[in-house]
């Protein structure tokens, strides 16, 4: 089959079908990059439950992520960048992660239905560490050096009920397509058995 025919074959299928069929990063990114933002978001949000983990595994052969991939230079410092999220849990699966860059440092927090209980879950976004050198890292163990105006008040992840959710957590994210990443959560250095996708708003 020619490359053009292969691309047409992939584009005629849904993301769920490509993931279930053993698609690679090249297959998945080609499918999503060919779509308009609203359609791309719908495709990524259709990946739920255990399939989010399958998506994470499927794009393991993708390129090394850069901070430009995640937070483009075209987004001005001081502007909040919003990613729509879907996690692999059984409930409360929709959320947003919101990001802000100041003096080259990107901080983020979790904007979701249970924030009043769990806290905002602040983290610092960096390139991946030696355990995941091709990914980016959301480090919940690092205190953010700034909290943007209008964002929730900072609450340490080791305090109250935040400790049960965010304490000792690090998320590692792989590139799926332009403006789309998929991540795996680790707690105290061990896989937490939880995955999530993020799709950048346009």
Protein backbone atom coordinates (compact mmCIF):
# COMPACT_ATOMS: atom_id res chain seq x y z
CA UNK A 1 0.00 0.00 0.00
CA UNK A 2 1.35 3.44 -0.93
CA UNK A 3 1.88 6.11 1.75
CA UNK A 4 -1.01 8.14 0.30
CA UNK A 5 -3.30 5.12 0.41
CA UNK A 6 -2.25 4.37 3.98
CA UNK A 7 -2.97 7.95 5.01
CA UNK A 8 -6.40 7.81 3.37
CA UNK A 9 -7.13 4.54 5.16
CA UNK A 10 -6.29 6.08 8.53
CA UNK A 11 -8.24 9.28 7.88
CA UNK A 12 -11.39 7.28 7.13
CA UNK A 13 -11.35 5.79 10.62
CA UNK A 14 -12.08 7.28 14.03
CA UNK A 15 -9.34 7.78 16.60
CA UNK A 16 -10.85 4.97 18.67
CA UNK A 17 -10.56 2.61 15.70
CA UNK A 18 -6.96 3.62 15.03
CA UNK A 19 -5.97 3.16 18.69
CA UNK A 20 -7.77 -0.18 18.96
CA UNK A 21 -6.19 -1.28 15.66
CA UNK A 22 -2.65 -0.79 16.93
CA UNK A 23 -2.03 2.58 15.29
CA UNK A 24 1.33 4.31 15.77
CA UNK A 25 2.21 7.93 16.48
CA UNK A 26 2.44 8.59 12.74
CA UNK A 27 -1.07 7.19 12.17
CA UNK A 28 -2.62 9.07 15.08
CA UNK A 29 -0.94 12.42 14.49
CA UNK A 30 -1.82 12.33 10.77
CA UNK A 31 -5.47 11.71 11.61
CA UNK A 32 -5.74 14.48 14.20
CA UNK A 33 -3.61 17.08 12.42
CA UNK A 34 -5.91 16.85 9.38
CA UNK A 35 -8.95 17.86 11.44
CA UNK A 36 -10.43 21.18 12.47
CA UNK A 37 -10.00 22.04 16.19
CA UNK A 38 -13.57 21.14 17.23
CA UNK A 39 -13.43 17.76 15.47
CA UNK A 40 -10.00 17.03 16.89
CA UNK A 41 -11.21 17.77 20.41
CA UNK A 42 -14.23 15.51 19.95
CA UNK A 43 -11.99 12.68 18.70
CA UNK A 44 -9.63 12.95 21.66
CA UNK A 45 -12.47 13.19 24.19
CA UNK A 46 -13.95 10.00 22.72
CA UNK A 47 -10.96 8.11 24.13
CA UNK A 48 -12.08 7.10 27.62
CA UNK A 49 -11.28 4.58 30.35
CA UNK A 50 -8.54 2.06 29.56
CA UNK A 51 -8.21 3.43 26.02
CA UNK A 52 -6.47 6.53 27.39
CA UNK A 53 -3.67 4.25 28.57
CA UNK A 54 -3.68 2.54 25.17
CA UNK A 55 -3.28 5.94 23.52
CA UNK A 56 -0.30 6.70 25.78
CA UNK A 57 1.34 3.42 24.77
CA UNK A 58 0.52 3.91 21.08
CA UNK A 59 2.46 7.19 20.79
CA UNK A 60 5.60 5.93 22.54
CA UNK A 61 7.38 6.07 19.18
CA UNK A 62 6.61 9.78 18.76
CA UNK A 63 9.12 12.65 18.73
CA UNK A 64 10.69 14.21 21.79
CA UNK A 65 8.47 16.94 23.18
CA UNK A 66 9.64 20.52 23.49
CA UNK A 67 8.20 23.33 25.52
CA UNK A 68 7.34 25.08 22.24
CA UNK A 69 5.17 22.06 21.35
CA UNK A 70 3.27 22.51 24.57
CA UNK A 71 3.21 26.26 25.18
CA UNK A 72 3.88 28.00 21.86
CA UNK A 73 5.85 31.24 21.79
CA UNK A 74 2.87 32.77 19.97
CA UNK A 75 0.93 32.68 23.26
CA UNK A 76 1.91 35.89 25.10
CA UNK A 77 3.37 35.72 28.59
CA UNK A 78 0.63 36.54 31.07
CA UNK A 79 -2.12 34.86 29.03
CA UNK A 80 -3.78 31.74 30.41
CA UNK A 81 -3.51 28.76 28.08
CA UNK A 82 -6.30 26.19 28.55
CA UNK A 83 -6.16 22.49 27.72
CA UNK A 84 -9.32 20.38 27.77
CA UNK A 85 -8.76 17.11 29.60
CA UNK A 86 -10.13 13.61 29.80
CA UNK A 87 -8.86 11.11 32.36
CA UNK A 88 -9.13 7.33 32.59
CA UNK A 89 -11.07 7.31 35.88
CA UNK A 90 -14.59 5.94 36.24
CA UNK A 91 -16.07 9.28 37.36
CA UNK A 92 -15.30 13.00 37.13
CA UNK A 93 -13.48 12.35 33.88
CA UNK A 94 -13.63 15.87 32.38
CA UNK A 95 -11.43 18.71 33.55
CA UNK A 96 -9.14 21.46 32.34
CA UNK A 97 -5.50 22.13 33.03
CA UNK A 98 -4.71 25.83 32.84
CA UNK A 99 -1.21 27.20 32.25
CA UNK A 100 0.58 30.52 32.60
CA UNK A 101 4.11 31.51 31.62
CA UNK A 102 6.10 34.21 33.39
CA UNK A 103 9.84 34.81 33.08
CA UNK A 104 10.15 31.50 31.24
CA UNK A 105 8.47 29.46 34.00
CA UNK A 106 5.19 27.67 33.20
CA UNK A 107 2.88 26.97 36.13
CA UNK A 108 -0.44 25.16 35.97
CA UNK A 109 -3.39 24.05 38.02
CA UNK A 110 -6.36 21.68 37.70
CA UNK A 111 -9.70 23.31 36.98
CA UNK A 112 -12.33 20.69 37.72
CA UNK A 113 -15.61 19.93 39.45
CA UNK A 114 -14.08 18.72 42.73
CA UNK A 115 -11.56 21.53 43.18
CA UNK A 116 -13.43 22.80 46.24
CA UNK A 117 -12.52 19.49 47.93
CA UNK A 118 -9.16 18.58 46.44
CA UNK A 119 -7.72 22.04 45.99
CA UNK A 120 -6.36 23.44 42.74
CA UNK A 121 -3.41 21.06 42.49
CA UNK A 122 -0.70 23.50 41.41
CA UNK A 123 2.34 22.21 39.51
CA UNK A 124 5.33 23.44 37.52
CA UNK A 125 5.77 22.37 33.89
CA UNK A 126 9.27 21.42 32.73
CA UNK A 127 11.01 19.14 30.28
CA UNK A 128 11.01 15.50 31.37
CA UNK A 129 13.61 14.17 33.78
CA UNK A 130 16.02 11.28 33.30
CA UNK A 131 13.22 8.73 33.71
CA UNK A 132 11.19 10.20 30.82
CA UNK A 133 13.63 12.29 28.77
CA UNK A 134 11.40 12.55 25.67
CA UNK A 135 8.35 13.82 27.54
CA UNK A 136 7.29 16.90 29.46
CA UNK A 137 6.69 16.87 33.19
CA UNK A 138 3.97 18.34 35.39
CA UNK A 139 5.73 18.42 38.75
CA UNK A 140 3.32 18.64 41.68
CA UNK A 141 6.22 18.39 44.14
CA UNK A 142 7.53 21.82 43.07
CA UNK A 143 6.07 25.00 44.53
CA UNK A 144 5.07 27.46 41.80
CA UNK A 145 7.19 30.63 41.86
CA UNK A 146 4.17 32.72 40.91
CA UNK A 147 0.36 32.52 41.04
CA UNK A 148 -1.36 34.54 38.32
CA UNK A 149 -3.95 37.14 39.19
CA UNK A 150 -7.44 35.68 39.06
CA UNK A 151 -6.30 32.11 39.66
CA UNK A 152 -7.28 30.14 42.80
CA UNK A 153 -5.26 30.82 45.92
CA UNK A 154 -2.21 28.58 46.21
CA UNK A 155 -2.65 25.57 48.47
CA UNK A 156 0.27 23.21 49.15
CA UNK A 157 -0.30 19.73 47.72
CA UNK A 158 0.79 18.22 51.03
CA UNK A 159 -2.06 19.85 52.97
CA UNK A 160 -5.59 18.64 53.72
CA UNK A 161 -7.40 16.53 51.15
CA UNK A 162 -5.00 17.78 48.47
CA UNK A 163 -2.49 15.34 49.93
CA UNK A 164 -4.64 12.36 48.94
CA UNK A 165 -4.78 13.46 45.30
CA UNK A 166 -1.68 15.48 44.44
CA UNK A 167 1.03 14.81 47.04
CA UNK A 168 4.19 13.31 45.55
CA UNK A 169 2.69 13.29 42.05
CA UNK A 170 4.45 13.76 38.73
CA UNK A 171 2.73 13.51 35.35
CA UNK A 172 4.71 12.63 32.22
CA UNK A 173 3.21 13.62 28.86
CA UNK A 174 3.84 12.43 25.30
CA UNK A 175 2.99 14.21 22.09
CA UNK A 176 -0.07 12.87 20.26
CA UNK A 177 -0.54 15.57 17.61
CA UNK A 178 -0.37 19.34 17.31
CA UNK A 179 -1.88 20.69 20.53
CA UNK A 180 -2.62 17.22 21.93
CA UNK A 181 -0.72 15.29 24.59
CA UNK A 182 -1.40 12.19 26.65
CA UNK A 183 0.05 11.60 30.10
CA UNK A 184 0.60 9.04 32.83
CA UNK A 185 0.50 9.89 36.54
CA UNK A 186 3.15 8.72 38.98
CA UNK A 187 3.01 9.01 42.77
CA UNK A 188 6.15 8.70 44.86
CA UNK A 189 7.94 7.51 41.74
CA UNK A 190 5.52 4.65 41.00
CA UNK A 191 2.83 4.43 38.29
CA UNK A 192 -0.54 5.43 39.73
CA UNK A 193 -2.50 3.51 37.10
CA UNK A 194 -4.08 6.73 35.84
CA UNK A 195 -3.84 8.35 32.41
CA UNK A 196 -5.21 11.53 30.85
CA UNK A 197 -5.35 13.38 27.54
CA UNK A 198 -5.08 17.14 27.01
CA UNK A 199 -6.19 19.07 23.94
CA UNK A 200 -5.28 22.71 23.52
CA UNK A 201 -8.03 25.22 22.94
CA UNK A 202 -7.76 27.17 19.71
